[in-house]
Amino acid sequence: MTTGGAAWFVRRKLYAWEIHPWPSIPDDVRAIVASELVVGVKVDDRMDALALSEMAPDVFLRTTTAWNEPKVAFRMAGIDLEHLGELVTEAWRVQAPRYLRRELEALGDS
């Protein structure tokens, strides 16, 4: 399932996607999403998402939907490239099968 915008998958599992201003999103967050590019990524657990949104509330949105899966949304204009790379790589790791994670780790050891 995607939101109709750009979406990235690993072995048919969604790990990053462009957020759209759906009616189910709280009004204040929907206004942000409607006016700028916001991306969502999977995270390991809800505490990771909460920590990010508390660390940089001007970049990380508090919530986008009532879905219970661990995820976080962020404003692309507010994120630096290094942190973006870390978020996307970690989201990929959360969703990737074990054998692909091992291959990525092996590349890092080379």
N, C-alpha and C. Protein backbone atom coordinates (compact mmCIF):
# COMPACT_ATOMS: atom_id res chain seq x y z
N MET A 1 0.84 -1.18 0.00
CA MET A 1 0.00 0.00 0.00
C MET A 1 0.88 1.24 0.00
N THR A 2 0.56 2.20 -0.85
CA THR A 2 1.28 3.47 -0.87
C THR A 2 0.29 4.61 -0.81
N THR A 3 0.82 5.79 -0.68
CA THR A 3 -0.03 6.98 -0.56
C THR A 3 -0.23 7.67 -1.90
N GLY A 4 0.21 7.08 -2.98
CA GLY A 4 0.05 7.68 -4.30
C GLY A 4 1.24 8.49 -4.74
N GLY A 5 2.23 8.68 -3.91
CA GLY A 5 3.44 9.40 -4.28
C GLY A 5 4.61 8.44 -4.38
N ALA A 6 5.79 8.97 -4.29
CA ALA A 6 7.00 8.14 -4.34
C ALA A 6 7.02 7.21 -3.13
N ALA A 7 7.47 6.00 -3.36
CA ALA A 7 7.56 5.01 -2.28
C ALA A 7 8.72 4.06 -2.58
N TRP A 8 9.38 3.60 -1.53
CA TRP A 8 10.53 2.71 -1.67
C TRP A 8 10.27 1.43 -0.90
N PHE A 9 10.59 0.33 -1.53
CA PHE A 9 10.33 -0.99 -0.97
C PHE A 9 11.59 -1.83 -0.98
N VAL A 10 11.67 -2.77 -0.06
CA VAL A 10 12.67 -3.82 -0.10
C VAL A 10 11.90 -5.13 0.03
N ARG A 11 12.03 -5.97 -0.95
CA ARG A 11 11.30 -7.26 -1.00
C ARG A 11 9.82 -7.08 -0.69
N ARG A 12 9.20 -6.13 -1.37
CA ARG A 12 7.77 -5.80 -1.27
C ARG A 12 7.35 -5.22 0.07
N LYS A 13 8.30 -4.84 0.90
CA LYS A 13 7.98 -4.20 2.17
C LYS A 13 8.33 -2.72 2.09
N LEU A 14 7.36 -1.89 2.39
CA LEU A 14 7.53 -0.44 2.35
C LEU A 14 8.46 0.02 3.47
N TYR A 15 9.46 0.85 3.12
CA TYR A 15 10.33 1.39 4.17
C TYR A 15 10.42 2.91 4.14
N ALA A 16 10.05 3.56 3.05
CA ALA A 16 10.04 5.02 2.98
C ALA A 16 9.00 5.45 1.95
N TRP A 17 8.35 6.59 2.20
CA TRP A 17 7.29 7.03 1.30
C TRP A 17 7.05 8.52 1.45
N GLU A 18 6.52 9.09 0.39
CA GLU A 18 6.10 10.49 0.40
C GLU A 18 4.73 10.57 1.07
N ILE A 19 4.59 11.49 2.01
CA ILE A 19 3.33 11.66 2.74
C ILE A 19 2.44 12.64 1.97
N HIS A 20 1.16 12.32 1.90
CA HIS A 20 0.17 13.19 1.28
C HIS A 20 -0.84 13.66 2.33
N PRO A 21 -1.50 14.79 2.11
CA PRO A 21 -2.43 15.35 3.10
C PRO A 21 -3.79 14.66 3.12
N TRP A 22 -3.82 13.43 3.56
CA TRP A 22 -5.07 12.67 3.63
C TRP A 22 -5.96 13.22 4.75
N PRO A 23 -7.27 13.07 4.62
CA PRO A 23 -8.20 13.56 5.65
C PRO A 23 -7.96 12.93 7.02
N SER A 24 -7.37 11.75 7.09
CA SER A 24 -7.13 11.10 8.38
C SER A 24 -5.98 11.71 9.16
N ILE A 25 -5.21 12.57 8.53
CA ILE A 25 -4.08 13.23 9.20
C ILE A 25 -4.62 14.42 9.99
N PRO A 26 -4.14 14.63 11.22
CA PRO A 26 -4.59 15.80 12.00
C PRO A 26 -4.42 17.10 11.21
N ASP A 27 -5.34 18.03 11.41
CA ASP A 27 -5.38 19.26 10.62
C ASP A 27 -4.07 20.03 10.60
N ASP A 28 -3.43 20.19 11.77
CA ASP A 28 -2.19 20.98 11.80
C ASP A 28 -1.07 20.30 11.02
N VAL A 29 -0.99 18.99 11.11
CA VAL A 29 0.02 18.24 10.37
C VAL A 29 -0.33 18.23 8.88
N ARG A 30 -1.60 18.09 8.57
CA ARG A 30 -2.05 18.08 7.17
C ARG A 30 -1.67 19.38 6.48
N ALA A 31 -1.74 20.51 7.18
CA ALA A 31 -1.37 21.81 6.60
C ALA A 31 0.12 21.82 6.21
N ILE A 32 0.96 21.23 7.05
CA ILE A 32 2.39 21.14 6.74
C ILE A 32 2.60 20.25 5.53
N VAL A 33 1.98 19.08 5.55
CA VAL A 33 2.14 18.10 4.47
C VAL A 33 1.65 18.67 3.14
N ALA A 34 0.61 19.48 3.18
CA ALA A 34 0.06 20.07 1.96
C ALA A 34 0.97 21.14 1.37
N SER A 35 1.82 21.73 2.20
CA SER A 35 2.63 22.86 1.75
C SER A 35 4.09 22.54 1.45
N GLU A 36 4.55 21.35 1.82
CA GLU A 36 5.95 21.01 1.57
C GLU A 36 6.14 19.50 1.49
N LEU A 37 7.30 19.08 1.04
CA LEU A 37 7.59 17.66 0.91
C LEU A 37 7.88 17.05 2.29
N VAL A 38 7.08 16.06 2.64
CA VAL A 38 7.25 15.33 3.90
C VAL A 38 7.40 13.85 3.55
N VAL A 39 8.37 13.21 4.17
CA VAL A 39 8.66 11.80 3.91
C VAL A 39 8.48 11.01 5.20
N GLY A 40 7.94 9.82 5.09
CA GLY A 40 7.81 8.92 6.23
C GLY A 40 8.76 7.74 6.06
N VAL A 41 9.30 7.26 7.18
CA VAL A 41 10.17 6.08 7.17
C VAL A 41 9.80 5.18 8.34
N LYS A 42 10.02 3.90 8.15
CA LYS A 42 9.85 2.94 9.23
C LYS A 42 11.00 3.14 10.22
N VAL A 43 10.70 2.91 11.49
CA VAL A 43 11.73 2.93 12.54
C VAL A 43 11.60 1.64 13.34
N ASP A 44 12.61 1.36 14.13
CA ASP A 44 12.64 0.10 14.87
C ASP A 44 11.51 -0.01 15.89
N ASP A 45 11.25 1.08 16.60
CA ASP A 45 10.14 1.06 17.56
C ASP A 45 9.60 2.47 17.79
N ARG A 46 8.48 2.55 18.46
CA ARG A 46 7.83 3.85 18.68
C ARG A 46 8.69 4.81 19.49
N MET A 47 9.52 4.28 20.36
CA MET A 47 10.39 5.15 21.17
C MET A 47 11.40 5.88 20.30
N ASP A 48 11.88 5.22 19.23
CA ASP A 48 12.79 5.89 18.29
C ASP A 48 12.08 7.08 17.63
N ALA A 49 10.84 6.87 17.20
CA ALA A 49 10.07 7.94 16.56
C ALA A 49 9.84 9.09 17.54
N LEU A 50 9.48 8.76 18.77
CA LEU A 50 9.24 9.78 19.78
C LEU A 50 10.51 10.56 20.08
N ALA A 51 11.64 9.88 20.19
CA ALA A 51 12.91 10.55 20.46
C ALA A 51 13.27 11.52 19.35
N LEU A 52 13.07 11.12 18.10
CA LEU A 52 13.37 12.01 16.98
C LEU A 52 12.47 13.23 16.99
N SER A 53 11.19 13.04 17.22
CA SER A 53 10.26 14.18 17.20
C SER A 53 10.50 15.12 18.38
N GLU A 54 10.97 14.60 19.50
CA GLU A 54 11.30 15.46 20.64
C GLU A 54 12.64 16.17 20.43
N MET A 55 13.57 15.50 19.76
CA MET A 55 14.90 16.07 19.51
C MET A 55 14.82 17.25 18.54
N ALA A 56 14.00 17.12 17.50
CA ALA A 56 13.90 18.18 16.48
C ALA A 56 12.45 18.33 16.03
N PRO A 57 11.60 18.94 16.88
CA PRO A 57 10.18 19.05 16.55
C PRO A 57 9.90 19.92 15.33
N ASP A 58 10.85 20.75 14.93
CA ASP A 58 10.66 21.56 13.73
C ASP A 58 10.91 20.76 12.45
N VAL A 59 11.53 19.58 12.58
CA VAL A 59 11.83 18.72 11.44
C VAL A 59 10.94 17.48 11.44
N PHE A 60 10.81 16.82 12.58
CA PHE A 60 10.06 15.57 12.70
C PHE A 60 8.65 15.86 13.19
N LEU A 61 7.66 15.36 12.45
CA LEU A 61 6.27 15.61 12.81
C LEU A 61 5.82 14.63 13.89
N ARG A 62 4.96 15.09 14.78
CA ARG A 62 4.55 14.26 15.91
C ARG A 62 3.77 13.04 15.48
N THR A 63 2.92 13.16 14.46
CA THR A 63 2.15 12.02 13.98
C THR A 63 1.59 12.34 12.61
N THR A 64 1.33 11.32 11.85
CA THR A 64 0.66 11.55 10.56
C THR A 64 -0.63 10.75 10.47
N THR A 65 -0.68 9.59 11.08
CA THR A 65 -1.89 8.77 11.06
C THR A 65 -2.03 8.04 12.38
N ALA A 66 -3.15 7.42 12.56
CA ALA A 66 -3.39 6.65 13.78
C ALA A 66 -2.82 5.24 13.70
N TRP A 67 -2.22 4.90 12.57
CA TRP A 67 -1.65 3.56 12.44
C TRP A 67 -0.63 3.33 13.54
N ASN A 68 -0.62 2.13 14.07
CA ASN A 68 0.25 1.83 15.21
C ASN A 68 1.66 1.41 14.84
N GLU A 69 1.95 1.23 13.58
CA GLU A 69 3.28 0.77 13.20
C GLU A 69 4.33 1.82 13.56
N PRO A 70 5.51 1.40 13.93
CA PRO A 70 6.57 2.38 14.24
C PRO A 70 7.04 3.08 12.96
N LYS A 71 6.86 4.40 12.93
CA LYS A 71 7.27 5.20 11.80
C LYS A 71 7.48 6.63 12.26
N VAL A 72 8.15 7.41 11.42
CA VAL A 72 8.32 8.82 11.70
C VAL A 72 8.26 9.57 10.37
N ALA A 73 7.70 10.77 10.41
CA ALA A 73 7.63 11.62 9.23
C ALA A 73 8.50 12.85 9.48
N PHE A 74 9.13 13.31 8.41
CA PHE A 74 10.01 14.48 8.56
C PHE A 74 9.92 15.38 7.34
N ARG A 75 10.22 16.65 7.59
CA ARG A 75 10.23 17.66 6.54
C ARG A 75 11.55 17.57 5.79
N MET A 76 11.47 17.32 4.50
CA MET A 76 12.70 17.19 3.71
C MET A 76 13.54 18.46 3.74
N ALA A 77 12.90 19.61 3.75
CA ALA A 77 13.64 20.88 3.75
C ALA A 77 14.45 21.08 5.02
N GLY A 78 14.09 20.37 6.10
CA GLY A 78 14.76 20.58 7.37
C GLY A 78 15.81 19.54 7.73
N ILE A 79 15.98 18.54 6.90
CA ILE A 79 16.89 17.44 7.26
C ILE A 79 18.20 17.56 6.49
N ASP A 80 19.31 17.32 7.16
CA ASP A 80 20.58 17.37 6.45
C ASP A 80 20.83 16.01 5.77
N LEU A 81 21.67 16.02 4.75
CA LEU A 81 21.87 14.82 3.93
C LEU A 81 22.41 13.64 4.72
N GLU A 82 23.29 13.87 5.65
CA GLU A 82 23.84 12.77 6.45
C GLU A 82 22.73 12.09 7.27
N HIS A 83 21.92 12.89 7.93
CA HIS A 83 20.84 12.33 8.74
C HIS A 83 19.80 11.64 7.85
N LEU A 84 19.52 12.21 6.69
CA LEU A 84 18.61 11.58 5.73
C LEU A 84 19.12 10.19 5.36
N GLY A 85 20.41 10.10 5.05
CA GLY A 85 21.00 8.81 4.71
C GLY A 85 20.86 7.80 5.84
N GLU A 86 21.09 8.24 7.07
CA GLU A 86 20.96 7.36 8.23
C GLU A 86 19.52 6.88 8.40
N LEU A 87 18.56 7.79 8.26
CA LEU A 87 17.15 7.43 8.43
C LEU A 87 16.69 6.42 7.38
N VAL A 88 17.04 6.66 6.12
CA VAL A 88 16.62 5.77 5.05
C VAL A 88 17.31 4.42 5.16
N THR A 89 18.60 4.42 5.50
CA THR A 89 19.32 3.15 5.66
C THR A 89 18.74 2.35 6.81
N GLU A 90 18.46 3.00 7.92
CA GLU A 90 17.89 2.29 9.06
C GLU A 90 16.48 1.78 8.74
N ALA A 91 15.69 2.57 8.03
CA ALA A 91 14.36 2.12 7.63
C ALA A 91 14.46 0.89 6.74
N TRP A 92 15.43 0.90 5.82
CA TRP A 92 15.66 -0.26 4.95
C TRP A 92 16.00 -1.48 5.81
N ARG A 93 16.89 -1.30 6.78
CA ARG A 93 17.29 -2.41 7.66
C ARG A 93 16.09 -2.99 8.43
N VAL A 94 15.20 -2.10 8.89
CA VAL A 94 14.02 -2.54 9.65
C VAL A 94 13.16 -3.48 8.80
N GLN A 95 13.06 -3.22 7.52
CA GLN A 95 12.17 -3.99 6.66
C GLN A 95 12.87 -5.10 5.86
N ALA A 96 14.17 -5.01 5.68
CA ALA A 96 14.89 -5.97 4.83
C ALA A 96 14.99 -7.34 5.49
N PRO A 97 14.97 -8.39 4.68
CA PRO A 97 15.19 -9.73 5.24
C PRO A 97 16.62 -9.86 5.76
N ARG A 98 16.81 -10.78 6.65
CA ARG A 98 18.10 -10.98 7.32
C ARG A 98 19.25 -11.15 6.32
N TYR A 99 19.04 -11.93 5.26
CA TYR A 99 20.14 -12.20 4.32
C TYR A 99 20.59 -10.91 3.62
N LEU A 100 19.68 -9.99 3.33
CA LEU A 100 20.07 -8.73 2.72
C LEU A 100 20.79 -7.83 3.73
N ARG A 101 20.36 -7.85 4.97
CA ARG A 101 21.06 -7.06 6.00
C ARG A 101 22.49 -7.57 6.16
N ARG A 102 22.66 -8.89 6.13
CA ARG A 102 24.02 -9.47 6.23
C ARG A 102 24.89 -9.03 5.05
N GLU A 103 24.30 -9.02 3.85
CA GLU A 103 25.06 -8.58 2.67
C GLU A 103 25.50 -7.13 2.80
N LEU A 104 24.62 -6.28 3.30
CA LEU A 104 24.96 -4.88 3.50
C LEU A 104 26.08 -4.75 4.54
N GLU A 105 25.97 -5.49 5.63
CA GLU A 105 27.02 -5.44 6.65
C GLU A 105 28.34 -5.93 6.10
N ALA A 106 28.33 -6.96 5.25
CA ALA A 106 29.56 -7.48 4.66
C ALA A 106 30.21 -6.42 3.76
N LEU A 107 29.40 -5.63 3.05
CA LEU A 107 29.94 -4.56 2.22
C LEU A 107 30.63 -3.50 3.08
N GLY A 108 30.06 -3.23 4.25
CA GLY A 108 30.64 -2.25 5.15
C GLY A 108 31.95 -2.72 5.75
N ASP A 109 32.14 -4.04 5.87
CA ASP A 109 33.37 -4.58 6.42
C ASP A 109 34.48 -4.65 5.39
N SER A 110 34.14 -4.47 4.12
CA SER A 110 35.14 -4.58 3.04
C SER A 110 36.06 -3.41 3.02
